[in-house]
Amino acid sequence: MINVNIQKNPTESAASILRRFTKKVQESGVLNRVRSIKYAERNLSYYKKKKGALEKLKRQLERENLIKLGKLTVVTRKGR
């Protein structure tokens, strides 16, 4: 991360210091970087992907079995 340092001038008001600080932060791009990291998702590992795929297949087979037994009805959408 980049640190933003602002030195107070002897005749400078608090409002102008704050204005200079916010301008420096915007120019440095720190906020954009933090915001991009905040919502980034990690990639799943190979084993997590494989486990998820196997669970999906298992649910699909259970659903097909229930449909064959008549315990689950298939609802179709109109117009398709």
Protein backbone atom coordinates (compact mmCIF):
# COMPACT_ATOMS: atom_id res chain seq x y z
CA MET A 1 0.00 0.00 0.00
CA ILE A 2 1.03 3.58 -0.58
CA ASN A 3 1.07 5.90 2.40
CA VAL A 4 -0.14 9.44 1.82
CA ASN A 5 1.63 12.07 3.91
CA ILE A 6 0.43 15.65 4.20
CA GLN A 7 2.36 18.32 6.12
CA LYS A 8 0.38 21.18 7.65
CA ASN A 9 1.45 24.62 6.58
CA PRO A 10 1.48 27.20 9.42
CA THR A 11 -1.28 29.35 7.89
CA GLU A 12 -3.40 26.50 6.51
CA SER A 13 -6.92 25.80 7.77
CA ALA A 14 -8.25 22.33 8.66
CA ALA A 15 -10.62 22.38 5.70
CA SER A 16 -7.81 23.00 3.21
CA ILE A 17 -5.68 20.25 4.79
CA LEU A 18 -8.57 17.83 4.46
CA ARG A 19 -9.14 18.91 0.85
CA ARG A 20 -5.45 18.38 0.01
CA PHE A 21 -5.43 15.01 1.73
CA THR A 22 -8.49 13.71 -0.13
CA LYS A 23 -7.00 14.91 -3.42
CA LYS A 24 -3.71 13.08 -2.71
CA VAL A 25 -5.57 9.88 -1.78
CA GLN A 26 -7.58 10.00 -5.00
CA GLU A 27 -4.45 10.61 -7.08
CA SER A 28 -2.59 7.72 -5.45
CA GLY A 29 -5.30 5.19 -6.39
CA VAL A 30 -5.37 3.59 -2.95
CA LEU A 31 -9.16 3.57 -2.69
CA ASN A 32 -9.66 1.99 -6.11
CA ARG A 33 -7.22 -0.78 -5.21
CA VAL A 34 -8.89 -1.47 -1.86
CA ARG A 35 -12.35 -1.53 -3.41
CA SER A 36 -11.22 -3.96 -6.10
CA ILE A 37 -9.76 -6.29 -3.47
CA LYS A 38 -12.80 -6.05 -1.20
CA TYR A 39 -15.18 -7.81 -3.59
CA ALA A 40 -12.71 -10.18 -5.27
CA GLU A 41 -13.49 -13.88 -4.93
CA ARG A 42 -10.86 -16.54 -4.49
CA ASN A 43 -10.55 -19.32 -7.04
CA LEU A 44 -11.76 -22.69 -5.81
CA SER A 45 -9.20 -25.45 -5.47
CA TYR A 46 -9.28 -28.50 -7.71
CA TYR A 47 -10.71 -30.67 -4.93
CA LYS A 48 -13.46 -28.19 -4.05
CA LYS A 49 -14.53 -28.05 -7.71
CA LYS A 50 -14.48 -31.83 -7.96
CA LYS A 51 -16.46 -32.26 -4.74
CA GLY A 52 -19.06 -29.74 -5.92
CA ALA A 53 -19.42 -31.50 -9.27
CA LEU A 54 -19.88 -34.89 -7.59
CA GLU A 55 -22.53 -33.46 -5.23
CA LYS A 56 -24.34 -31.93 -8.20
CA LEU A 57 -24.35 -35.29 -10.01
CA LYS A 58 -25.61 -37.03 -6.87
CA ARG A 59 -28.51 -34.57 -6.50
CA GLN A 60 -29.33 -34.94 -10.19
CA LEU A 61 -29.45 -38.75 -9.92
CA GLU A 62 -31.63 -38.58 -6.77
CA ARG A 63 -34.02 -36.21 -8.55
CA GLU A 64 -34.23 -38.48 -11.61
CA ASN A 65 -34.89 -41.48 -9.35
CA LEU A 66 -37.69 -39.65 -7.52
CA ILE A 67 -39.26 -38.68 -10.84
CA LYS A 68 -39.15 -42.33 -11.99
CA LEU A 69 -40.80 -43.46 -8.77
CA GLY A 70 -43.53 -40.84 -9.19
CA LYS A 71 -42.70 -39.10 -5.89
CA LEU A 72 -41.70 -35.89 -7.68
CA THR A 73 -43.66 -34.23 -10.42
CA VAL A 74 -41.99 -32.37 -13.27
CA VAL A 75 -43.30 -28.86 -13.77
CA THR A 76 -42.81 -27.44 -17.26
CA ARG A 77 -43.12 -23.81 -18.20
CA LYS A 78 -45.70 -22.70 -20.74
CA GLY A 79 -44.35 -21.51 -24.06
CA ARG A 80 -41.22 -23.63 -24.02
